[in-house]
């Protein structure tokens, strides 16, 4: 049973990492089409931030860190505040599985 929850946590975290491609591609499109220098740099900064967040989530998805529900909750709240909401939904689902794993 615990192995099943581990697989679900890894799945939801990987899905969240790959979902980062959606807003990243939108920021890339806005960066390419913007004519202003100031606005285009803001789009580039947001693009880099989302790509780094996705990289962090994908690289550490199998880490033992994510078996602790408090760590997953911190990641979910961080994603809810700093990256688009679409990315935080699978992380909250991973939090639910981490909570069930530790009961």
PDB file of N, CA and C in Angstrom:
ATOM      1  N   UNK A   1       0.818  -1.195   0.000  1.00  0.00           N
ATOM      2  CA  UNK A   1       0.000   0.000   0.000  1.00  0.00           C
ATOM      3  C   UNK A   1       0.866   1.266   0.000  1.00  0.00           C
ATOM      4  N   UNK A   2       1.959   1.240   0.793  1.00  0.00           N
ATOM      5  CA  UNK A   2       2.822   2.417   0.845  1.00  0.00           C
ATOM      6  C   UNK A   2       3.506   2.657  -0.492  1.00  0.00           C
ATOM      7  N   UNK A   3       3.858   1.572  -1.172  1.00  0.00           N
ATOM      8  CA  UNK A   3       4.503   1.713  -2.481  1.00  0.00           C
ATOM      9  C   UNK A   3       3.556   2.379  -3.478  1.00  0.00           C
ATOM     10  N   UNK A   4       2.262   2.086  -3.362  1.00  0.00           N
ATOM     11  CA  UNK A   4       1.270   2.696  -4.249  1.00  0.00           C
ATOM     12  C   UNK A   4       1.190   4.209  -4.019  1.00  0.00           C
ATOM     13  N   UNK A   5       1.213   4.631  -2.764  1.00  0.00           N
ATOM     14  CA  UNK A   5       1.186   6.064  -2.466  1.00  0.00           C
ATOM     15  C   UNK A   5       2.474   6.747  -2.937  1.00  0.00           C
ATOM     16  N   UNK A   6       3.609   6.045  -2.806  1.00  0.00           N
ATOM     17  CA  UNK A   6       4.866   6.610  -3.312  1.00  0.00           C
ATOM     18  C   UNK A   6       4.787   6.861  -4.807  1.00  0.00           C
ATOM     19  N   UNK A   7       4.241   5.902  -5.540  1.00  0.00           N
ATOM     20  CA  UNK A   7       4.118   6.049  -6.994  1.00  0.00           C
ATOM     21  C   UNK A   7       3.171   7.190  -7.353  1.00  0.00           C
ATOM     22  N   UNK A   8       2.094   7.344  -6.590  1.00  0.00           N
ATOM     23  CA  UNK A   8       1.147   8.429  -6.861  1.00  0.00           C
ATOM     24  C   UNK A   8       1.775   9.789  -6.593  1.00  0.00           C
ATOM     25  N   UNK A   9       2.556   9.890  -5.523  1.00  0.00           N
ATOM     26  CA  UNK A   9       3.224  11.156  -5.209  1.00  0.00           C
ATOM     27  C   UNK A   9       4.186  11.530  -6.329  1.00  0.00           C
ATOM     28  N   UNK A  10       4.976  10.560  -6.781  1.00  0.00           N
ATOM     29  CA  UNK A  10       5.925  10.818  -7.869  1.00  0.00           C
ATOM     30  C   UNK A  10       5.175  11.199  -9.137  1.00  0.00           C
ATOM     31  N   UNK A  11       4.062  10.517  -9.424  1.00  0.00           N
ATOM     32  CA  UNK A  11       3.282  10.827 -10.625  1.00  0.00           C
ATOM     33  C   UNK A  11       2.751  12.255 -10.590  1.00  0.00           C
ATOM     34  N   UNK A  12       2.151  12.658  -9.465  1.00  0.00           N
ATOM     35  CA  UNK A  12       1.574  14.002  -9.384  1.00  0.00           C
ATOM     36  C   UNK A  12       2.650  15.082  -9.448  1.00  0.00           C
ATOM     37  N   UNK A  13       3.805  14.821  -8.840  1.00  0.00           N
ATOM     38  CA  UNK A  13       4.881  15.811  -8.900  1.00  0.00           C
ATOM     39  C   UNK A  13       5.444  15.929 -10.312  1.00  0.00           C
ATOM     40  N   UNK A  14       5.595  14.794 -10.982  1.00  0.00           N
ATOM     41  CA  UNK A  14       6.073  14.853 -12.371  1.00  0.00           C
ATOM     42  C   UNK A  14       5.062  15.547 -13.273  1.00  0.00           C
ATOM     43  N   UNK A  15       3.788  15.285 -13.050  1.00  0.00           N
ATOM     44  CA  UNK A  15       2.757  15.962 -13.838  1.00  0.00           C
ATOM     45  C   UNK A  15       2.820  17.473 -13.614  1.00  0.00           C
ATOM     46  N   UNK A  16       3.015  17.881 -12.372  1.00  0.00           N
ATOM     47  CA  UNK A  16       3.131  19.316 -12.081  1.00  0.00           C
ATOM     48  C   UNK A  16       4.340  19.913 -12.791  1.00  0.00           C
ATOM     49  N   UNK A  17       5.438  19.175 -12.804  1.00  0.00           N
ATOM     50  CA  UNK A  17       6.624  19.667 -13.491  1.00  0.00           C
ATOM     51  C   UNK A  17       6.401  19.823 -14.985  1.00  0.00           C
ATOM     52  N   UNK A  18       5.739  18.844 -15.586  1.00  0.00           N
ATOM     53  CA  UNK A  18       5.493  18.927 -17.031  1.00  0.00           C
ATOM     54  C   UNK A  18       4.408  19.945 -17.360  1.00  0.00           C
ATOM     55  N   UNK A  19       3.490  20.185 -16.430  1.00  0.00           N
ATOM     56  CA  UNK A  19       2.475  21.217 -16.666  1.00  0.00           C
ATOM     57  C   UNK A  19       3.075  22.618 -16.686  1.00  0.00           C
ATOM     58  N   UNK A  20       4.273  22.754 -16.157  1.00  0.00           N
ATOM     59  CA  UNK A  20       4.941  24.060 -16.208  1.00  0.00           C
ATOM     60  C   UNK A  20       5.231  24.484 -17.642  1.00  0.00           C
ATOM     61  N   UNK A  21       5.195  23.540 -18.576  1.00  0.00           N
ATOM     62  CA  UNK A  21       5.441  23.895 -19.978  1.00  0.00           C
ATOM     63  C   UNK A  21       4.346  24.794 -20.538  1.00  0.00           C
ATOM     64  N   UNK A  22       3.123  24.645 -20.037  1.00  0.00           N
ATOM     65  CA  UNK A  22       2.025  25.475 -20.548  1.00  0.00           C
ATOM     66  C   UNK A  22       2.241  26.961 -20.262  1.00  0.00           C
ATOM     67  N   UNK A  23       2.410  27.369 -19.006  1.00  0.00           N
ATOM     68  CA  UNK A  23       2.649  28.799 -18.780  1.00  0.00           C
ATOM     69  C   UNK A  23       4.004  29.262 -19.309  1.00  0.00           C
ATOM     70  N   UNK A  24       4.993  28.368 -19.318  1.00  0.00           N
ATOM     71  CA  UNK A  24       6.299  28.763 -19.846  1.00  0.00           C
ATOM     72  C   UNK A  24       6.211  29.071 -21.333  1.00  0.00           C
ATOM     73  N   UNK A  25       5.444  28.276 -22.055  1.00  0.00           N
ATOM     74  CA  UNK A  25       5.297  28.557 -23.490  1.00  0.00           C
ATOM     75  C   UNK A  25       4.512  29.853 -23.714  1.00  0.00           C
ATOM     76  N   UNK A  26       3.557  30.142 -22.841  1.00  0.00           N
ATOM     77  CA  UNK A  26       2.819  31.407 -22.959  1.00  0.00           C
ATOM     78  C   UNK A  26       3.740  32.596 -22.701  1.00  0.00           C
ATOM     79  N   UNK A  27       4.587  32.508 -21.672  1.00  0.00           N
ATOM     80  CA  UNK A  27       5.527  33.599 -21.394  1.00  0.00           C
ATOM     81  C   UNK A  27       6.538  33.746 -22.522  1.00  0.00           C
ATOM     82  N   UNK A  28       6.958  32.621 -23.116  1.00  0.00           N
ATOM     83  CA  UNK A  28       7.890  32.690 -24.239  1.00  0.00           C
ATOM     84  C   UNK A  28       7.246  33.376 -25.437  1.00  0.00           C
ATOM     85  N   UNK A  29       5.992  33.054 -25.700  1.00  0.00           N
ATOM     86  CA  UNK A  29       5.279  33.704 -26.804  1.00  0.00           C
ATOM     87  C   UNK A  29       5.143  35.207 -26.553  1.00  0.00           C
ATOM     88  N   UNK A  30       4.790  35.569 -25.324  1.00  0.00           N
ATOM     89  CA  UNK A  30       4.670  36.992 -24.996  1.00  0.00           C
ATOM     90  C   UNK A  30       6.020  37.707 -25.096  1.00  0.00           C
ATOM     91  N   UNK A  31       7.076  37.027 -24.704  1.00  0.00           N
ATOM     92  CA  UNK A  31       8.412  37.612 -24.818  1.00  0.00           C
ATOM     93  C   UNK A  31       8.782  37.845 -26.281  1.00  0.00           C
ATOM     94  N   UNK A  32       8.446  36.895 -27.133  1.00  0.00           N
ATOM     95  CA  UNK A  32       8.798  37.015 -28.549  1.00  0.00           C
ATOM     96  C   UNK A  32       7.979  38.077 -29.262  1.00  0.00           C
ATOM     97  N   UNK A  33       6.736  38.271 -28.843  1.00  0.00           N
ATOM     98  CA  UNK A  33       5.869  39.216 -29.548  1.00  0.00           C
ATOM     99  C   UNK A  33       5.871  40.621 -28.959  1.00  0.00           C
ATOM    100  N   UNK A  34       6.441  40.792 -27.779  1.00  0.00           N
ATOM    101  CA  UNK A  34       6.405  42.124 -27.160  1.00  0.00           C
ATOM    102  C   UNK A  34       7.429  43.043 -27.817  1.00  0.00           C
ATOM    103  N   UNK A  35       7.058  44.287 -27.933  1.00  0.00           N
ATOM    104  CA  UNK A  35       7.926  45.285 -28.553  1.00  0.00           C
ATOM    105  C   UNK A  35       8.649  46.138 -27.515  1.00  0.00           C
ATOM    106  N   UNK A  36       8.066  46.220 -26.313  1.00  0.00           N
ATOM    107  CA  UNK A  36       8.679  47.036 -25.264  1.00  0.00           C
ATOM    108  C   UNK A  36       9.885  46.317 -24.682  1.00  0.00           C
ATOM    109  N   UNK A  37      10.898  47.066 -24.346  1.00  0.00           N
ATOM    110  CA  UNK A  37      12.066  46.451 -23.728  1.00  0.00           C
ATOM    111  C   UNK A  37      11.785  46.055 -22.283  1.00  0.00           C
ATOM    112  N   UNK A  38      11.100  46.912 -21.537  1.00  0.00           N
ATOM    113  CA  UNK A  38      10.846  46.641 -20.127  1.00  0.00           C
ATOM    114  C   UNK A  38       9.918  45.450 -19.947  1.00  0.00           C
ATOM    115  N   UNK A  39       8.833  45.422 -20.674  1.00  0.00           N
ATOM    116  CA  UNK A  39       7.881  44.324 -20.553  1.00  0.00           C
ATOM    117  C   UNK A  39       8.451  43.011 -21.023  1.00  0.00           C
ATOM    118  N   UNK A  40       9.261  43.048 -22.054  1.00  0.00           N
ATOM    119  CA  UNK A  40       9.815  41.804 -22.574  1.00  0.00           C
ATOM    120  C   UNK A  40      10.791  41.181 -21.582  1.00  0.00           C
ATOM    121  N   UNK A  41      11.522  42.010 -20.840  1.00  0.00           N
ATOM    122  CA  UNK A  41      12.427  41.458 -19.838  1.00  0.00           C
ATOM    123  C   UNK A  41      11.663  40.843 -18.673  1.00  0.00           C
ATOM    124  N   UNK A  42      10.530  41.409 -18.343  1.00  0.00           N
ATOM    125  CA  UNK A  42       9.689  40.823 -17.297  1.00  0.00           C
ATOM    126  C   UNK A  42       9.187  39.447 -17.728  1.00  0.00           C
ATOM    127  N   UNK A  43       8.773  39.329 -18.979  1.00  0.00           N
ATOM    128  CA  UNK A  43       8.330  38.030 -19.495  1.00  0.00           C
ATOM    129  C   UNK A  43       9.470  37.017 -19.459  1.00  0.00           C
ATOM    130  N   UNK A  44      10.659  37.468 -19.771  1.00  0.00           N
ATOM    131  CA  UNK A  44      11.818  36.579 -19.761  1.00  0.00           C
ATOM    132  C   UNK A  44      12.145  36.111 -18.345  1.00  0.00           C
ATOM    133  N   UNK A  45      12.057  37.009 -17.374  1.00  0.00           N
ATOM    134  CA  UNK A  45      12.312  36.644 -15.975  1.00  0.00           C
ATOM    135  C   UNK A  45      11.281  35.625 -15.496  1.00  0.00           C
ATOM    136  N   UNK A  46      10.011  35.845 -15.822  1.00  0.00           N
ATOM    137  CA  UNK A  46       8.969  34.895 -15.427  1.00  0.00           C
ATOM    138  C   UNK A  46       9.164  33.544 -16.105  1.00  0.00           C
ATOM    139  N   UNK A  47       9.571  33.558 -17.349  1.00  0.00           N
ATOM    140  CA  UNK A  47       9.848  32.315 -18.070  1.00  0.00           C
ATOM    141  C   UNK A  47      10.974  31.539 -17.399  1.00  0.00           C
ATOM    142  N   UNK A  48      12.043  32.213 -17.057  1.00  0.00           N
ATOM    143  CA  UNK A  48      13.178  31.549 -16.403  1.00  0.00           C
ATOM    144  C   UNK A  48      12.774  31.013 -15.038  1.00  0.00           C
ATOM    145  N   UNK A  49      11.980  31.770 -14.286  1.00  0.00           N
ATOM    146  CA  UNK A  49      11.536  31.323 -12.962  1.00  0.00           C
ATOM    147  C   UNK A  49      10.695  30.050 -13.065  1.00  0.00           C
ATOM    148  N   UNK A  50       9.765  30.008 -14.007  1.00  0.00           N
ATOM    149  CA  UNK A  50       8.904  28.832 -14.155  1.00  0.00           C
ATOM    150  C   UNK A  50       9.709  27.627 -14.626  1.00  0.00           C
ATOM    151  N   UNK A  51      10.653  27.844 -15.516  1.00  0.00           N
ATOM    152  CA  UNK A  51      11.486  26.735 -15.992  1.00  0.00           C
ATOM    153  C   UNK A  51      12.347  26.189 -14.856  1.00  0.00           C
ATOM    154  N   UNK A  52      12.905  27.057 -14.030  1.00  0.00           N
ATOM    155  CA  UNK A  52      13.695  26.592 -12.885  1.00  0.00           C
ATOM    156  C   UNK A  52      12.830  25.849 -11.868  1.00  0.00           C
ATOM    157  N   UNK A  53      11.611  26.317 -11.656  1.00  0.00           N
ATOM    158  CA  UNK A  53      10.693  25.616 -10.756  1.00  0.00           C
ATOM    159  C   UNK A  53      10.374  24.228 -11.307  1.00  0.00           C
ATOM    160  N   UNK A  54      10.094  24.142 -12.602  1.00  0.00           N
ATOM    161  CA  UNK A  54       9.803  22.848 -13.228  1.00  0.00           C
ATOM    162  C   UNK A  54      11.000  21.917 -13.123  1.00  0.00           C
ATOM    163  N   UNK A  55      12.182  22.451 -13.343  1.00  0.00           N
ATOM    164  CA  UNK A  55      13.398  21.655 -13.243  1.00  0.00           C
ATOM    165  C   UNK A  55      13.578  21.113 -11.831  1.00  0.00           C
ATOM    166  N   UNK A  56      13.341  21.957 -10.834  1.00  0.00           N
ATOM    167  CA  UNK A  56      13.459  21.523  -9.440  1.00  0.00           C
ATOM    168  C   UNK A  56      12.469  20.408  -9.121  1.00  0.00           C
ATOM    169  N   UNK A  57      11.227  20.572  -9.540  1.00  0.00           N
ATOM    170  CA  UNK A  57      10.201  19.570  -9.237  1.00  0.00           C
ATOM    171  C   UNK A  57      10.498  18.258  -9.957  1.00  0.00           C
ATOM    172  N   UNK A  58      10.893  18.325 -11.213  1.00  0.00           N
ATOM    173  CA  UNK A  58      11.152  17.104 -11.972  1.00  0.00           C
ATOM    174  C   UNK A  58      12.395  16.366 -11.479  1.00  0.00           C
ATOM    175  N   UNK A  59      13.422  17.095 -11.097  1.00  0.00           N
ATOM    176  CA  UNK A  59      14.659  16.448 -10.652  1.00  0.00           C
ATOM    177  C   UNK A  59      14.478  15.803  -9.281  1.00  0.00           C
ATOM    178  N   UNK A  60      13.713  16.433  -8.407  1.00  0.00           N
ATOM    179  CA  UNK A  60      13.571  15.917  -7.042  1.00  0.00           C
ATOM    180  C   UNK A  60      12.289  15.114  -6.835  1.00  0.00           C
ATOM    181  N   UNK A  61      11.609  14.711  -7.894  1.00  0.00           N
ATOM    182  CA  UNK A  61      10.316  14.029  -7.745  1.00  0.00           C
ATOM    183  C   UNK A  61      10.438  12.707  -6.997  1.00  0.00           C
ATOM    184  N   UNK A  62      11.542  11.991  -7.164  1.00  0.00           N
ATOM    185  CA  UNK A  62      11.707  10.702  -6.487  1.00  0.00           C
ATOM    186  C   UNK A  62      12.400  10.821  -5.134  1.00  0.00           C
ATOM    187  N   UNK A  63      12.639  12.028  -4.693  1.00  0.00           N
ATOM    188  CA  UNK A  63      13.346  12.252  -3.440  1.00  0.00           C
ATOM    189  C   UNK A  63      12.484  11.838  -2.244  1.00  0.00           C
ATOM    190  N   UNK A  64      13.155  11.419  -1.187  1.00  0.00           N
ATOM    191  CA  UNK A  64      12.454  11.055   0.053  1.00  0.00           C
ATOM    192  C   UNK A  64      11.827  12.279   0.716  1.00  0.00           C
ATOM    193  N   UNK A  65      12.269  13.470   0.316  1.00  0.00           N
ATOM    194  CA  UNK A  65      11.748  14.712   0.874  1.00  0.00           C
ATOM    195  C   UNK A  65      10.242  14.806   0.699  1.00  0.00           C
ATOM    196  N   UNK A  66       9.734  14.343  -0.419  1.00  0.00           N
ATOM    197  CA  UNK A  66       8.317  14.525  -0.736  1.00  0.00           C
ATOM    198  C   UNK A  66       7.420  13.496  -0.055  1.00  0.00           C
ATOM    199  N   UNK A  67       7.997  12.596   0.728  1.00  0.00           N
ATOM    200  CA  UNK A  67       7.173  11.681   1.521  1.00  0.00           C
ATOM    201  C   UNK A  67       6.669  12.362   2.792  1.00  0.00           C
ATOM    202  N   UNK A  68       7.253  13.487   3.137  1.00  0.00           N
ATOM    203  CA  UNK A  68       6.834  14.274   4.293  1.00  0.00           C
ATOM    204  C   UNK A  68       5.740  15.251   3.847  1.00  0.00           C
ATOM    205  N   UNK A  69       4.518  15.134   4.393  1.00  0.00           N
ATOM    206  CA  UNK A  69       3.426  16.000   3.938  1.00  0.00           C
ATOM    207  C   UNK A  69       3.684  17.491   4.138  1.00  0.00           C
ATOM    208  N   UNK A  70       4.419  17.861   5.175  1.00  0.00           N
ATOM    209  CA  UNK A  70       4.662  19.288   5.398  1.00  0.00           C
ATOM    210  C   UNK A  70       5.539  19.879   4.292  1.00  0.00           C
ATOM    211  N   UNK A  71       6.490  19.106   3.788  1.00  0.00           N
ATOM    212  CA  UNK A  71       7.332  19.586   2.683  1.00  0.00           C
ATOM    213  C   UNK A  71       6.515  19.749   1.407  1.00  0.00           C
ATOM    214  N   UNK A  72       5.609  18.813   1.153  1.00  0.00           N
ATOM    215  CA  UNK A  72       4.766  18.901  -0.044  1.00  0.00           C
ATOM    216  C   UNK A  72       3.808  20.083   0.080  1.00  0.00           C
ATOM    217  N   UNK A  73       3.301  20.328   1.279  1.00  0.00           N
ATOM    218  CA  UNK A  73       2.407  21.468   1.489  1.00  0.00           C
ATOM    219  C   UNK A  73       3.144  22.792   1.263  1.00  0.00           C
ATOM    220  N   UNK A  74       4.384  22.873   1.717  1.00  0.00           N
ATOM    221  CA  UNK A  74       5.176  24.086   1.480  1.00  0.00           C
ATOM    222  C   UNK A  74       5.367  24.304  -0.014  1.00  0.00           C
ATOM    223  N   UNK A  75       5.669  23.236  -0.747  1.00  0.00           N
ATOM    224  CA  UNK A  75       5.825  23.345  -2.200  1.00  0.00           C
ATOM    225  C   UNK A  75       4.514  23.755  -2.859  1.00  0.00           C
ATOM    226  N   UNK A  76       3.395  23.211  -2.389  1.00  0.00           N
ATOM    227  CA  UNK A  76       2.090  23.544  -2.976  1.00  0.00           C
ATOM    228  C   UNK A  76       1.730  25.006  -2.734  1.00  0.00           C
ATOM    229  N   UNK A  77       1.984  25.493  -1.542  1.00  0.00           N
ATOM    230  CA  UNK A  77       1.687  26.898  -1.245  1.00  0.00           C
ATOM    231  C   UNK A  77       2.611  27.815  -2.044  1.00  0.00           C
ATOM    232  N   UNK A  78       3.882  27.440  -2.158  1.00  0.00           N
ATOM    233  CA  UNK A  78       4.813  28.213  -2.978  1.00  0.00           C
ATOM    234  C   UNK A  78       4.340  28.260  -4.427  1.00  0.00           C
ATOM    235  N   UNK A  79       3.894  27.119  -4.941  1.00  0.00           N
ATOM    236  CA  UNK A  79       3.401  27.071  -6.320  1.00  0.00           C
ATOM    237  C   UNK A  79       2.124  27.883  -6.472  1.00  0.00           C
ATOM    238  N   UNK A  80       1.277  27.857  -5.476  1.00  0.00           N
ATOM    239  CA  UNK A  80       0.028  28.613  -5.542  1.00  0.00           C
ATOM    240  C   UNK A  80       0.283  30.120  -5.584  1.00  0.00           C
ATOM    241  N   UNK A  81       1.305  30.564  -4.876  1.00  0.00           N
ATOM    242  CA  UNK A  81       1.592  31.996  -4.803  1.00  0.00           C
ATOM    243  C   UNK A  81       2.428  32.485  -5.986  1.00  0.00           C
ATOM    244  N   UNK A  82       3.456  31.734  -6.363  1.00  0.00           N
ATOM    245  CA  UNK A  82       4.444  32.259  -7.298  1.00  0.00           C
ATOM    246  C   UNK A  82       4.343  31.747  -8.729  1.00  0.00           C
ATOM    247  N   UNK A  83       3.669  30.663  -8.961  1.00  0.00           N
ATOM    248  CA  UNK A  83       3.515  30.155 -10.330  1.00  0.00           C
ATOM    249  C   UNK A  83       2.028  30.000 -10.615  1.00  0.00           C
ATOM    250  N   UNK A  84       1.638  29.803 -11.859  1.00  0.00           N
ATOM    251  CA  UNK A  84       0.205  29.686 -12.167  1.00  0.00           C
ATOM    252  C   UNK A  84      -0.493  28.565 -11.387  1.00  0.00           C
ATOM    253  N   UNK A  85      -1.765  28.767 -11.139  1.00  0.00           N
ATOM    254  CA  UNK A  85      -2.567  27.867 -10.305  1.00  0.00           C
ATOM    255  C   UNK A  85      -2.635  26.457 -10.889  1.00  0.00           C
ATOM    256  N   UNK A  86      -2.566  26.335 -12.187  1.00  0.00           N
ATOM    257  CA  UNK A  86      -2.648  25.024 -12.842  1.00  0.00           C
ATOM    258  C   UNK A  86      -1.571  24.088 -12.305  1.00  0.00           C
ATOM    259  N   UNK A  87      -0.428  24.622 -11.989  1.00  0.00           N
ATOM    260  CA  UNK A  87       0.691  23.804 -11.527  1.00  0.00           C
ATOM    261  C   UNK A  87       0.480  23.337 -10.088  1.00  0.00           C
ATOM    262  N   UNK A  88      -0.212  24.113  -9.286  1.00  0.00           N
ATOM    263  CA  UNK A  88      -0.371  23.755  -7.877  1.00  0.00           C
ATOM    264  C   UNK A  88      -1.411  22.660  -7.652  1.00  0.00           C
ATOM    265  N   UNK A  89      -2.316  22.443  -8.588  1.00  0.00           N
ATOM    266  CA  UNK A  89      -3.368  21.435  -8.404  1.00  0.00           C
ATOM    267  C   UNK A  89      -2.786  20.027  -8.236  1.00  0.00           C
ATOM    268  N   UNK A  90      -1.898  19.552  -9.134  1.00  0.00           N
ATOM    269  CA  UNK A  90      -1.332  18.218  -8.907  1.00  0.00           C
ATOM    270  C   UNK A  90      -0.459  18.140  -7.658  1.00  0.00           C
ATOM    271  N   UNK A  91       0.127  19.259  -7.258  1.00  0.00           N
ATOM    272  CA  UNK A  91       0.948  19.235  -6.043  1.00  0.00           C
ATOM    273  C   UNK A  91       0.059  19.064  -4.816  1.00  0.00           C
ATOM    274  N   UNK A  92      -1.120  19.675  -4.821  1.00  0.00           N
ATOM    275  CA  UNK A  92      -2.057  19.447  -3.718  1.00  0.00           C
ATOM    276  C   UNK A  92      -2.553  18.001  -3.712  1.00  0.00           C
ATOM    277  N   UNK A  93      -2.707  17.393  -4.870  1.00  0.00           N
ATOM    278  CA  UNK A  93      -3.074  15.975  -4.926  1.00  0.00           C
ATOM    279  C   UNK A  93      -1.945  15.101  -4.380  1.00  0.00           C
ATOM    280  N   UNK A  94      -0.704  15.470  -4.655  1.00  0.00           N
ATOM    281  CA  UNK A  94       0.440  14.755  -4.081  1.00  0.00           C
ATOM    282  C   UNK A  94       0.472  14.931  -2.565  1.00  0.00           C
ATOM    283  N   UNK A  95       0.072  16.102  -2.094  1.00  0.00           N
ATOM    284  CA  UNK A  95       0.006  16.340  -0.649  1.00  0.00           C
ATOM    285  C   UNK A  95      -1.010  15.404   0.004  1.00  0.00           C
ATOM    286  N   UNK A  96      -2.157  15.218  -0.637  1.00  0.00           N
ATOM    287  CA  UNK A  96      -3.159  14.291  -0.104  1.00  0.00           C
ATOM    288  C   UNK A  96      -2.627  12.870  -0.012  1.00  0.00           C
ATOM    289  N   UNK A  97      -1.879  12.449  -1.021  1.00  0.00           N
ATOM    290  CA  UNK A  97      -1.297  11.107  -0.988  1.00  0.00           C
ATOM    291  C   UNK A  97      -0.196  10.995   0.062  1.00  0.00           C
ATOM    292  N   UNK A  98       0.581  12.047   0.248  1.00  0.00           N
ATOM    293  CA  UNK A  98       1.624  12.028   1.277  1.00  0.00           C
ATOM    294  C   UNK A  98       1.004  11.971   2.668  1.00  0.00           C
ATOM    295  N   UNK A  99      -0.128  12.638   2.826  1.00  0.00           N
ATOM    296  CA  UNK A  99      -0.832  12.599   4.110  1.00  0.00           C
ATOM    297  C   UNK A  99      -1.353  11.190   4.399  1.00  0.00           C
ATOM    298  N   UNK A 100      -1.918  10.548   3.375  1.00  0.00           N
ATOM    299  CA  UNK A 100      -2.409   9.175   3.543  1.00  0.00           C
ATOM    300  C   UNK A 100      -1.262   8.208   3.811  1.00  0.00           C
ATOM    301  N   UNK A 101      -0.119   8.466   3.212  1.00  0.00           N
ATOM    302  CA  UNK A 101       1.044   7.598   3.395  1.00  0.00           C
ATOM    303  C   UNK A 101       1.529   7.618   4.834  1.00  0.00           C
ATOM    304  N   UNK A 102       1.449   8.759   5.478  1.00  0.00           N
ATOM    305  CA  UNK A 102       1.980   8.900   6.838  1.00  0.00           C
ATOM    306  C   UNK A 102       0.950   8.669   7.933  1.00  0.00           C
ATOM    307  N   UNK A 103      -0.228   8.213   7.589  1.00  0.00           N
ATOM    308  CA  UNK A 103      -1.236   7.928   8.626  1.00  0.00           C
ATOM    309  C   UNK A 103      -1.022   6.566   9.216  1.00  0.00           C
TER     310      UNK A 103
END
